[in-house]
Amino acid sequence: MTLKPWPEAIEAAARALRAGRIARDSMHPREAAEAAYTPGGPSVDELEALIRRHRAEARAALGGVEAESSEVDRRPKRQDARKFDAHEKGSFNPKRGTVKQPRSSGEMKEEFPYTLSTMCYIEVRNDGEVLWGGGHEAYERVRRGECRLYAVWPGQWSSHLFAIDDLDQYAAAFGLVHDEKRTGLADHQHEVSWSVSPYEKRPNGSYVSIEVQLGCGCSIRDLKAFAKQMREQRGWDVATTTGWGSAGDTYSIRVRRTSLRQ
């Protein structure tokens, strides 16, 4: 496996850290703590306290919003909420609420979580019809100029509306077009070597864990993209809804056992 230059490695690590913080901050503090917990590390209670402190510091930095005082009373006071809104586009009207312009997904580049399971895509057609769901058909309509596409990114205290203004990133995230940088996989015939994992407890089960190595210099960053290529190249049925991992240049994935014979 080719090592990245140091600046690129630092940048990739920073993107991964920020994406993790974004995913964590969309969850309730307790849920985020439970997801982050690992045996031998800080307890769930300690992690929850740390997450709450980080969020309080972030809110304070964005306009003096006070830290949450209790589990029940989470919302900032009205005056502080106005200070927070002042940092975003739009104006505050105490009778009509706050009107804001959608943010840009393109400005976040690869850090925007297009495939987040709780992301809600809204399609506004030129005739005024509103649909939701996104997908390949919506992508094609946006390309033809027939509609505009937006996404509601839900958070714990508030949700934000984004304009999907970078269709290349949107298509790459959903696998509508191949993106070697995002997936780590070139669009070629891969040199694959594999063996059943020595930790597999059911080698005769419907699905088995295998250890995969790529001798062509590629790396697996997107399991769904790799599954698609392996289905086309080797007939493998790779499980994409279960966990997978890597150690160095060896990847551990789950594959339908009978498809490995092809």
C-alpha atoms as a PDB file:
ATOM      1  CA  MET A   1       0.000   0.000   0.000  1.00  0.00           C
ATOM      2  CA  THR A   2       1.375   3.427  -1.008  1.00  0.00           C
ATOM      3  CA  LEU A   3       1.794   5.761   1.956  1.00  0.00           C
ATOM      4  CA  LYS A   4       0.321   9.240   1.697  1.00  0.00           C
ATOM      5  CA  PRO A   5       2.586  12.289   2.003  1.00  0.00           C
ATOM      6  CA  TRP A   6       2.543  13.700   5.548  1.00  0.00           C
ATOM      7  CA  PRO A   7       0.441  16.834   4.735  1.00  0.00           C
ATOM      8  CA  GLU A   8      -2.208  14.706   2.976  1.00  0.00           C
ATOM      9  CA  ALA A   9      -2.276  12.238   5.860  1.00  0.00           C
ATOM     10  CA  ILE A  10      -2.784  15.061   8.380  1.00  0.00           C
ATOM     11  CA  GLU A  11      -5.548  16.557   6.229  1.00  0.00           C
ATOM     12  CA  ALA A  12      -7.286  13.175   5.906  1.00  0.00           C
ATOM     13  CA  ALA A  13      -7.072  12.628   9.659  1.00  0.00           C
ATOM     14  CA  ALA A  14      -8.542  16.081  10.278  1.00  0.00           C
ATOM     15  CA  ARG A  15     -11.437  15.356   7.903  1.00  0.00           C
ATOM     16  CA  ALA A  16     -12.118  12.050   9.623  1.00  0.00           C
ATOM     17  CA  LEU A  17     -12.039  13.694  13.058  1.00  0.00           C
ATOM     18  CA  ARG A  18     -14.406  16.443  11.984  1.00  0.00           C
ATOM     19  CA  ALA A  19     -16.800  13.974  10.343  1.00  0.00           C
ATOM     20  CA  GLY A  20     -16.813  11.932  13.537  1.00  0.00           C
ATOM     21  CA  ARG A  21     -17.539  15.011  15.653  1.00  0.00           C
ATOM     22  CA  ILE A  22     -20.357  15.991  13.274  1.00  0.00           C
ATOM     23  CA  ALA A  23     -21.925  12.535  13.498  1.00  0.00           C
ATOM     24  CA  ARG A  24     -21.505  12.518  17.271  1.00  0.00           C
ATOM     25  CA  ASP A  25     -23.053  15.977  17.710  1.00  0.00           C
ATOM     26  CA  SER A  26     -26.200  14.922  15.834  1.00  0.00           C
ATOM     27  CA  MET A  27     -26.926  12.417  18.623  1.00  0.00           C
ATOM     28  CA  HIS A  28     -28.182  12.806  22.176  1.00  0.00           C
ATOM     29  CA  PRO A  29     -25.196  13.076  24.563  1.00  0.00           C
ATOM     30  CA  ARG A  30     -26.006   9.735  26.183  1.00  0.00           C
ATOM     31  CA  GLU A  31     -26.355   7.987  22.809  1.00  0.00           C
ATOM     32  CA  ALA A  32     -23.104   9.532  21.578  1.00  0.00           C
ATOM     33  CA  ALA A  33     -21.336   8.400  24.756  1.00  0.00           C
ATOM     34  CA  GLU A  34     -22.637   4.848  24.409  1.00  0.00           C
ATOM     35  CA  ALA A  35     -21.522   4.760  20.766  1.00  0.00           C
ATOM     36  CA  ALA A  36     -18.045   6.030  21.668  1.00  0.00           C
ATOM     37  CA  TYR A  37     -17.504   3.723  24.635  1.00  0.00           C
ATOM     38  CA  THR A  38     -14.808   1.045  24.367  1.00  0.00           C
ATOM     39  CA  PRO A  39     -13.904  -1.464  27.098  1.00  0.00           C
ATOM     40  CA  GLY A  40     -10.951  -0.255  29.150  1.00  0.00           C
ATOM     41  CA  GLY A  41     -11.523   3.396  28.268  1.00  0.00           C
ATOM     42  CA  PRO A  42     -13.494   6.165  29.996  1.00  0.00           C
ATOM     43  CA  SER A  43     -16.906   5.150  31.311  1.00  0.00           C
ATOM     44  CA  VAL A  44     -20.133   6.077  29.542  1.00  0.00           C
ATOM     45  CA  ASP A  45     -20.870   8.655  32.261  1.00  0.00           C
ATOM     46  CA  GLU A  46     -17.441  10.240  31.826  1.00  0.00           C
ATOM     47  CA  LEU A  47     -17.853  10.354  28.041  1.00  0.00           C
ATOM     48  CA  GLU A  48     -21.313  11.888  28.366  1.00  0.00           C
ATOM     49  CA  ALA A  49     -19.955  14.606  30.649  1.00  0.00           C
ATOM     50  CA  LEU A  50     -17.110  15.298  28.219  1.00  0.00           C
ATOM     51  CA  ILE A  51     -19.499  15.548  25.265  1.00  0.00           C
ATOM     52  CA  ARG A  52     -21.798  17.905  27.143  1.00  0.00           C
ATOM     53  CA  ARG A  53     -18.829  20.114  28.064  1.00  0.00           C
ATOM     54  CA  HIS A  54     -17.613  20.232  24.462  1.00  0.00           C
ATOM     55  CA  ARG A  55     -21.058  21.224  23.241  1.00  0.00           C
ATOM     56  CA  ALA A  56     -21.448  23.891  25.895  1.00  0.00           C
ATOM     57  CA  GLU A  57     -18.062  25.370  24.961  1.00  0.00           C
ATOM     58  CA  ALA A  58     -19.013  25.339  21.270  1.00  0.00           C
ATOM     59  CA  ARG A  59     -22.313  27.105  21.926  1.00  0.00           C
ATOM     60  CA  ALA A  60     -20.583  29.695  24.089  1.00  0.00           C
ATOM     61  CA  ALA A  61     -18.006  30.340  21.363  1.00  0.00           C
ATOM     62  CA  LEU A  62     -20.786  30.876  18.802  1.00  0.00           C
ATOM     63  CA  GLY A  63     -22.421  33.736  20.632  1.00  0.00           C
ATOM     64  CA  GLY A  64     -22.536  33.394  24.372  1.00  0.00           C
ATOM     65  CA  VAL A  65     -25.180  30.659  24.545  1.00  0.00           C
ATOM     66  CA  GLU A  66     -25.192  29.360  28.088  1.00  0.00           C
ATOM     67  CA  ALA A  67     -24.348  25.776  28.878  1.00  0.00           C
ATOM     68  CA  GLU A  68     -27.384  23.590  29.445  1.00  0.00           C
ATOM     69  CA  SER A  69     -28.363  23.680  33.101  1.00  0.00           C
ATOM     70  CA  SER A  70     -30.309  20.426  33.257  1.00  0.00           C
ATOM     71  CA  GLU A  71     -31.607  17.496  31.232  1.00  0.00           C
ATOM     72  CA  VAL A  72     -35.018  19.201  30.967  1.00  0.00           C
ATOM     73  CA  ASP A  73     -33.981  22.789  30.299  1.00  0.00           C
ATOM     74  CA  ARG A  74     -31.678  22.518  27.262  1.00  0.00           C
ATOM     75  CA  ARG A  75     -32.765  25.507  25.204  1.00  0.00           C
ATOM     76  CA  PRO A  76     -30.809  28.779  25.405  1.00  0.00           C
ATOM     77  CA  LYS A  77     -32.528  31.893  26.658  1.00  0.00           C
ATOM     78  CA  ARG A  78     -34.233  34.060  24.038  1.00  0.00           C
ATOM     79  CA  GLN A  79     -31.598  36.793  24.179  1.00  0.00           C
ATOM     80  CA  ASP A  80     -28.759  34.297  23.714  1.00  0.00           C
ATOM     81  CA  ALA A  81     -30.623  32.561  20.892  1.00  0.00           C
ATOM     82  CA  ARG A  82     -30.754  35.870  19.027  1.00  0.00           C
ATOM     83  CA  LYS A  83     -26.999  36.272  19.425  1.00  0.00           C
ATOM     84  CA  PHE A  84     -26.505  32.790  17.995  1.00  0.00           C
ATOM     85  CA  ASP A  85     -28.770  33.487  15.017  1.00  0.00           C
ATOM     86  CA  ALA A  86     -26.900  36.684  14.274  1.00  0.00           C
ATOM     87  CA  HIS A  87     -23.992  34.572  13.042  1.00  0.00           C
ATOM     88  CA  GLU A  88     -26.151  33.069  10.290  1.00  0.00           C
ATOM     89  CA  LYS A  89     -27.674  34.640   7.199  1.00  0.00           C
ATOM     90  CA  GLY A  90     -31.116  36.088   7.711  1.00  0.00           C
ATOM     91  CA  SER A  91     -32.818  38.384  10.176  1.00  0.00           C
ATOM     92  CA  PHE A  92     -34.619  37.839  13.470  1.00  0.00           C
ATOM     93  CA  ASN A  93     -38.209  38.979  13.911  1.00  0.00           C
ATOM     94  CA  PRO A  94     -39.735  38.228  17.339  1.00  0.00           C
ATOM     95  CA  LYS A  95     -43.198  37.879  15.782  1.00  0.00           C
ATOM     96  CA  ARG A  96     -42.333  35.943  12.638  1.00  0.00           C
ATOM     97  CA  GLY A  97     -39.316  33.961  13.799  1.00  0.00           C
ATOM     98  CA  THR A  98     -35.957  33.673  12.050  1.00  0.00           C
ATOM     99  CA  VAL A  99     -35.586  33.602   8.268  1.00  0.00           C
ATOM    100  CA  LYS A 100     -32.322  32.181   6.931  1.00  0.00           C
ATOM    101  CA  GLN A 101     -30.796  31.299   3.614  1.00  0.00           C
ATOM    102  CA  PRO A 102     -29.877  27.624   3.032  1.00  0.00           C
ATOM    103  CA  ARG A 103     -26.276  26.772   3.648  1.00  0.00           C
ATOM    104  CA  SER A 104     -24.057  25.334   0.925  1.00  0.00           C
ATOM    105  CA  SER A 105     -23.215  21.631   0.937  1.00  0.00           C
ATOM    106  CA  GLY A 106     -20.469  22.329  -1.569  1.00  0.00           C
ATOM    107  CA  GLU A 107     -18.588  24.514   0.887  1.00  0.00           C
ATOM    108  CA  MET A 108     -18.119  21.488   3.163  1.00  0.00           C
ATOM    109  CA  LYS A 109     -16.815  19.399   0.255  1.00  0.00           C
ATOM    110  CA  GLU A 110     -16.268  15.765   1.284  1.00  0.00           C
ATOM    111  CA  GLU A 111     -17.154  16.476   4.907  1.00  0.00           C
ATOM    112  CA  PHE A 112     -20.852  16.906   4.179  1.00  0.00           C
ATOM    113  CA  PRO A 113     -22.527  13.619   5.279  1.00  0.00           C
ATOM    114  CA  TYR A 114     -24.614  13.012   2.157  1.00  0.00           C
ATOM    115  CA  THR A 115     -25.407   9.419   3.120  1.00  0.00           C
ATOM    116  CA  LEU A 116     -26.382  10.116   6.738  1.00  0.00           C
ATOM    117  CA  SER A 117     -29.403   7.893   7.442  1.00  0.00           C
ATOM    118  CA  THR A 118     -31.380  10.752   9.020  1.00  0.00           C
ATOM    119  CA  MET A 119     -30.715  13.234   6.203  1.00  0.00           C
ATOM    120  CA  CYS A 120     -33.954  14.333   4.506  1.00  0.00           C
ATOM    121  CA  TYR A 121     -33.660  15.392   0.855  1.00  0.00           C
ATOM    122  CA  ILE A 122     -36.248  17.802  -0.561  1.00  0.00           C
ATOM    123  CA  GLU A 123     -36.748  18.350  -4.280  1.00  0.00           C
ATOM    124  CA  VAL A 124     -38.398  21.599  -5.394  1.00  0.00           C
ATOM    125  CA  ARG A 125     -39.455  21.417  -9.032  1.00  0.00           C
ATOM    126  CA  ASN A 126     -39.733  24.410 -11.300  1.00  0.00           C
ATOM    127  CA  ASP A 127     -43.542  24.155 -11.316  1.00  0.00           C
ATOM    128  CA  GLY A 128     -43.600  24.420  -7.520  1.00  0.00           C
ATOM    129  CA  GLU A 129     -44.180  20.743  -6.758  1.00  0.00           C
ATOM    130  CA  VAL A 130     -42.274  19.532  -3.699  1.00  0.00           C
ATOM    131  CA  LEU A 131     -41.041  15.953  -3.284  1.00  0.00           C
ATOM    132  CA  TRP A 132     -38.697  14.306  -0.840  1.00  0.00           C
ATOM    133  CA  GLY A 133     -36.317  11.362  -1.055  1.00  0.00           C
ATOM    134  CA  GLY A 134     -33.448  12.289  -3.374  1.00  0.00           C
ATOM    135  CA  GLY A 135     -31.881   9.458  -5.361  1.00  0.00           C
ATOM    136  CA  HIS A 136     -30.647   8.984  -8.912  1.00  0.00           C
ATOM    137  CA  GLU A 137     -33.777  10.337 -10.613  1.00  0.00           C
ATOM    138  CA  ALA A 138     -33.640  13.549  -8.587  1.00  0.00           C
ATOM    139  CA  TYR A 139     -29.952  13.880  -9.475  1.00  0.00           C
ATOM    140  CA  GLU A 140     -30.764  13.633 -13.182  1.00  0.00           C
ATOM    141  CA  ARG A 141     -33.580  16.206 -12.902  1.00  0.00           C
ATOM    142  CA  VAL A 142     -31.242  18.652 -11.153  1.00  0.00           C
ATOM    143  CA  ARG A 143     -28.670  18.142 -13.899  1.00  0.00           C
ATOM    144  CA  ARG A 144     -31.326  18.953 -16.514  1.00  0.00           C
ATOM    145  CA  GLY A 145     -32.300  22.103 -14.623  1.00  0.00           C
ATOM    146  CA  GLU A 146     -35.812  20.861 -13.848  1.00  0.00           C
ATOM    147  CA  CYS A 147     -35.593  21.315 -10.083  1.00  0.00           C
ATOM    148  CA  ARG A 148     -33.464  22.281  -7.105  1.00  0.00           C
ATOM    149  CA  LEU A 149     -32.356  19.876  -4.395  1.00  0.00           C
ATOM    150  CA  TYR A 150     -32.064  20.611  -0.687  1.00  0.00           C
ATOM    151  CA  ALA A 151     -31.242  18.576   2.404  1.00  0.00           C
ATOM    152  CA  VAL A 152     -32.366  18.955   6.005  1.00  0.00           C
ATOM    153  CA  TRP A 153     -29.551  17.943   8.339  1.00  0.00           C
ATOM    154  CA  PRO A 154     -31.103  17.163  11.714  1.00  0.00           C
ATOM    155  CA  GLY A 155     -29.300  17.994  14.921  1.00  0.00           C
ATOM    156  CA  GLN A 156     -30.078  17.594  18.596  1.00  0.00           C
ATOM    157  CA  TRP A 157     -31.215  21.178  19.251  1.00  0.00           C
ATOM    158  CA  SER A 158     -31.987  22.356  15.726  1.00  0.00           C
ATOM    159  CA  SER A 159     -31.971  21.261  12.105  1.00  0.00           C
ATOM    160  CA  HIS A 160     -30.355  23.075   9.200  1.00  0.00           C
ATOM    161  CA  LEU A 161     -31.278  23.387   5.549  1.00  0.00           C
ATOM    162  CA  PHE A 162     -28.557  22.934   2.924  1.00  0.00           C
ATOM    163  CA  ALA A 163     -28.654  23.573  -0.795  1.00  0.00           C
ATOM    164  CA  ILE A 164     -27.140  20.629  -2.674  1.00  0.00           C
ATOM    165  CA  ASP A 165     -25.015  22.749  -4.957  1.00  0.00           C
ATOM    166  CA  ASP A 166     -22.167  20.325  -5.668  1.00  0.00           C
ATOM    167  CA  LEU A 167     -23.696  17.537  -7.741  1.00  0.00           C
ATOM    168  CA  ASP A 168     -20.342  15.857  -8.275  1.00  0.00           C
ATOM    169  CA  GLN A 169     -19.926  15.301  -4.534  1.00  0.00           C
ATOM    170  CA  TYR A 170     -23.553  14.183  -4.203  1.00  0.00           C
ATOM    171  CA  ALA A 171     -23.202  11.662  -7.022  1.00  0.00           C
ATOM    172  CA  ALA A 172     -19.870  10.379  -5.718  1.00  0.00           C
ATOM    173  CA  ALA A 173     -21.220   9.905  -2.194  1.00  0.00           C
ATOM    174  CA  PHE A 174     -24.132   7.779  -3.406  1.00  0.00           C
ATOM    175  CA  GLY A 175     -22.083   5.854  -5.940  1.00  0.00           C
ATOM    176  CA  LEU A 176     -23.904   7.335  -8.933  1.00  0.00           C
ATOM    177  CA  VAL A 177     -20.475   8.030 -10.443  1.00  0.00           C
ATOM    178  CA  HIS A 178     -17.202   6.413  -9.486  1.00  0.00           C
ATOM    179  CA  ASP A 179     -14.891   8.516  -7.335  1.00  0.00           C
ATOM    180  CA  GLU A 180     -11.433   7.015  -6.814  1.00  0.00           C
ATOM    181  CA  LYS A 181     -10.430   9.634  -4.234  1.00  0.00           C
ATOM    182  CA  ARG A 182     -13.479   9.015  -2.047  1.00  0.00           C
ATOM    183  CA  THR A 183     -13.566   5.216  -2.361  1.00  0.00           C
ATOM    184  CA  GLY A 184      -9.827   4.471  -2.617  1.00  0.00           C
ATOM    185  CA  LEU A 185     -10.662   2.159  -5.529  1.00  0.00           C
ATOM    186  CA  ALA A 186      -9.534   2.616  -9.115  1.00  0.00           C
ATOM    187  CA  ASP A 187     -11.995   1.705 -11.855  1.00  0.00           C
ATOM    188  CA  HIS A 188     -10.093  -1.370 -13.034  1.00  0.00           C
ATOM    189  CA  GLN A 189      -9.859  -5.135 -12.539  1.00  0.00           C
ATOM    190  CA  HIS A 190      -8.566  -5.584  -9.014  1.00  0.00           C
ATOM    191  CA  GLU A 191      -5.838  -8.019  -7.988  1.00  0.00           C
ATOM    192  CA  VAL A 192      -7.540  -9.745  -5.072  1.00  0.00           C
ATOM    193  CA  SER A 193      -6.257 -12.413  -2.713  1.00  0.00           C
ATOM    194  CA  TRP A 194      -8.455 -13.692   0.090  1.00  0.00           C
ATOM    195  CA  SER A 195      -8.884 -16.379   2.717  1.00  0.00           C
ATOM    196  CA  VAL A 196     -11.510 -17.285   5.277  1.00  0.00           C
ATOM    197  CA  SER A 197     -10.821 -15.468   8.547  1.00  0.00           C
ATOM    198  CA  PRO A 198      -9.236 -17.677  11.226  1.00  0.00           C
ATOM    199  CA  TYR A 199     -11.735 -16.096  13.646  1.00  0.00           C
ATOM    200  CA  GLU A 200     -14.777 -17.280  11.677  1.00  0.00           C
ATOM    201  CA  LYS A 201     -16.835 -19.475  14.014  1.00  0.00           C
ATOM    202  CA  ARG A 202     -19.276 -20.685  11.364  1.00  0.00           C
ATOM    203  CA  PRO A 203     -17.285 -21.450   8.191  1.00  0.00           C
ATOM    204  CA  ASN A 204     -20.311 -23.251   6.737  1.00  0.00           C
ATOM    205  CA  GLY A 205     -22.787 -20.440   7.472  1.00  0.00           C
ATOM    206  CA  SER A 206     -24.648 -18.401   4.865  1.00  0.00           C
ATOM    207  CA  TYR A 207     -22.148 -15.563   5.279  1.00  0.00           C
ATOM    208  CA  VAL A 208     -18.516 -15.913   6.281  1.00  0.00           C
ATOM    209  CA  SER A 209     -15.831 -13.445   7.281  1.00  0.00           C
ATOM    210  CA  ILE A 210     -12.915 -13.284   4.881  1.00  0.00           C
ATOM    211  CA  GLU A 211      -9.631 -11.398   4.905  1.00  0.00           C
ATOM    212  CA  VAL A 212      -8.920  -9.549   1.677  1.00  0.00           C
ATOM    213  CA  GLN A 213      -5.762  -8.007   0.294  1.00  0.00           C
ATOM    214  CA  LEU A 214      -5.529  -5.870  -2.835  1.00  0.00           C
ATOM    215  CA  GLY A 215      -2.324  -6.248  -4.819  1.00  0.00           C
ATOM    216  CA  CYS A 216      -3.158  -3.462  -7.262  1.00  0.00           C
ATOM    217  CA  GLY A 217      -2.393  -0.581  -4.896  1.00  0.00           C
ATOM    218  CA  CYS A 218      -6.032   0.240  -4.130  1.00  0.00           C
ATOM    219  CA  SER A 219      -7.564   0.616  -0.678  1.00  0.00           C
ATOM    220  CA  ILE A 220     -11.119   0.111   0.555  1.00  0.00           C
ATOM    221  CA  ARG A 221     -12.627   3.315   1.942  1.00  0.00           C
ATOM    222  CA  ASP A 222     -16.190   2.711   0.762  1.00  0.00           C
ATOM    223  CA  LEU A 223     -17.530  -0.804   1.330  1.00  0.00           C
ATOM    224  CA  LYS A 224     -20.543  -0.342  -0.950  1.00  0.00           C
ATOM    225  CA  ALA A 225     -18.307   0.732  -3.827  1.00  0.00           C
ATOM    226  CA  PHE A 226     -16.056  -2.284  -3.264  1.00  0.00           C
ATOM    227  CA  ALA A 227     -19.102  -4.583  -3.040  1.00  0.00           C
ATOM    228  CA  LYS A 228     -20.382  -3.270  -6.368  1.00  0.00           C
ATOM    229  CA  GLN A 229     -17.042  -3.857  -8.081  1.00  0.00           C
ATOM    230  CA  MET A 230     -16.650  -7.350  -6.623  1.00  0.00           C
ATOM    231  CA  ARG A 231     -20.182  -8.257  -7.693  1.00  0.00           C
ATOM    232  CA  GLU A 232     -19.332  -7.210 -11.253  1.00  0.00           C
ATOM    233  CA  GLN A 233     -15.836  -8.702 -11.343  1.00  0.00           C
ATOM    234  CA  ARG A 234     -16.157 -11.890  -9.250  1.00  0.00           C
ATOM    235  CA  GLY A 235     -19.836 -12.380  -8.520  1.00  0.00           C
ATOM    236  CA  TRP A 236     -19.315 -11.840  -4.797  1.00  0.00           C
ATOM    237  CA  ASP A 237     -22.298 -10.939  -2.624  1.00  0.00           C
ATOM    238  CA  VAL A 238     -20.645  -8.678  -0.034  1.00  0.00           C
ATOM    239  CA  ALA A 239     -22.656  -7.729   3.052  1.00  0.00           C
ATOM    240  CA  THR A 240     -22.788  -3.936   3.354  1.00  0.00           C
ATOM    241  CA  THR A 241     -25.064  -3.640   6.391  1.00  0.00           C
ATOM    242  CA  THR A 242     -22.675  -5.207   8.881  1.00  0.00           C
ATOM    243  CA  GLY A 243     -19.373  -4.143  10.355  1.00  0.00           C
ATOM    244  CA  TRP A 244     -16.066  -4.394   8.531  1.00  0.00           C
ATOM    245  CA  GLY A 245     -12.540  -3.330   9.346  1.00  0.00           C
ATOM    246  CA  SER A 246      -8.920  -3.249   8.339  1.00  0.00           C
ATOM    247  CA  ALA A 247      -5.482  -3.892   9.777  1.00  0.00           C
ATOM    248  CA  GLY A 248      -2.748  -2.485   7.591  1.00  0.00           C
ATOM    249  CA  ASP A 249      -3.432  -3.651   4.045  1.00  0.00           C
ATOM    250  CA  THR A 250      -5.753  -6.498   5.105  1.00  0.00           C
ATOM    251  CA  TYR A 251      -9.514  -5.954   5.127  1.00  0.00           C
ATOM    252  CA  SER A 252     -12.082  -8.053   6.964  1.00  0.00           C
ATOM    253  CA  ILE A 253     -15.506  -8.270   5.286  1.00  0.00           C
ATOM    254  CA  ARG A 254     -18.554 -10.548   5.242  1.00  0.00           C
ATOM    255  CA  VAL A 255     -19.454 -12.352   2.011  1.00  0.00           C
ATOM    256  CA  ARG A 256     -22.151 -14.865   1.084  1.00  0.00           C
ATOM    257  CA  ARG A 257     -20.276 -18.146   1.173  1.00  0.00           C
ATOM    258  CA  THR A 258     -21.777 -19.634  -1.985  1.00  0.00           C
ATOM    259  CA  SER A 259     -20.841 -16.573  -4.058  1.00  0.00           C
ATOM    260  CA  LEU A 260     -17.149 -17.127  -3.274  1.00  0.00           C
ATOM    261  CA  ARG A 261     -17.139 -20.196  -5.472  1.00  0.00           C
ATOM    262  CA  GLN A 262     -17.682 -18.139  -8.591  1.00  0.00           C
END
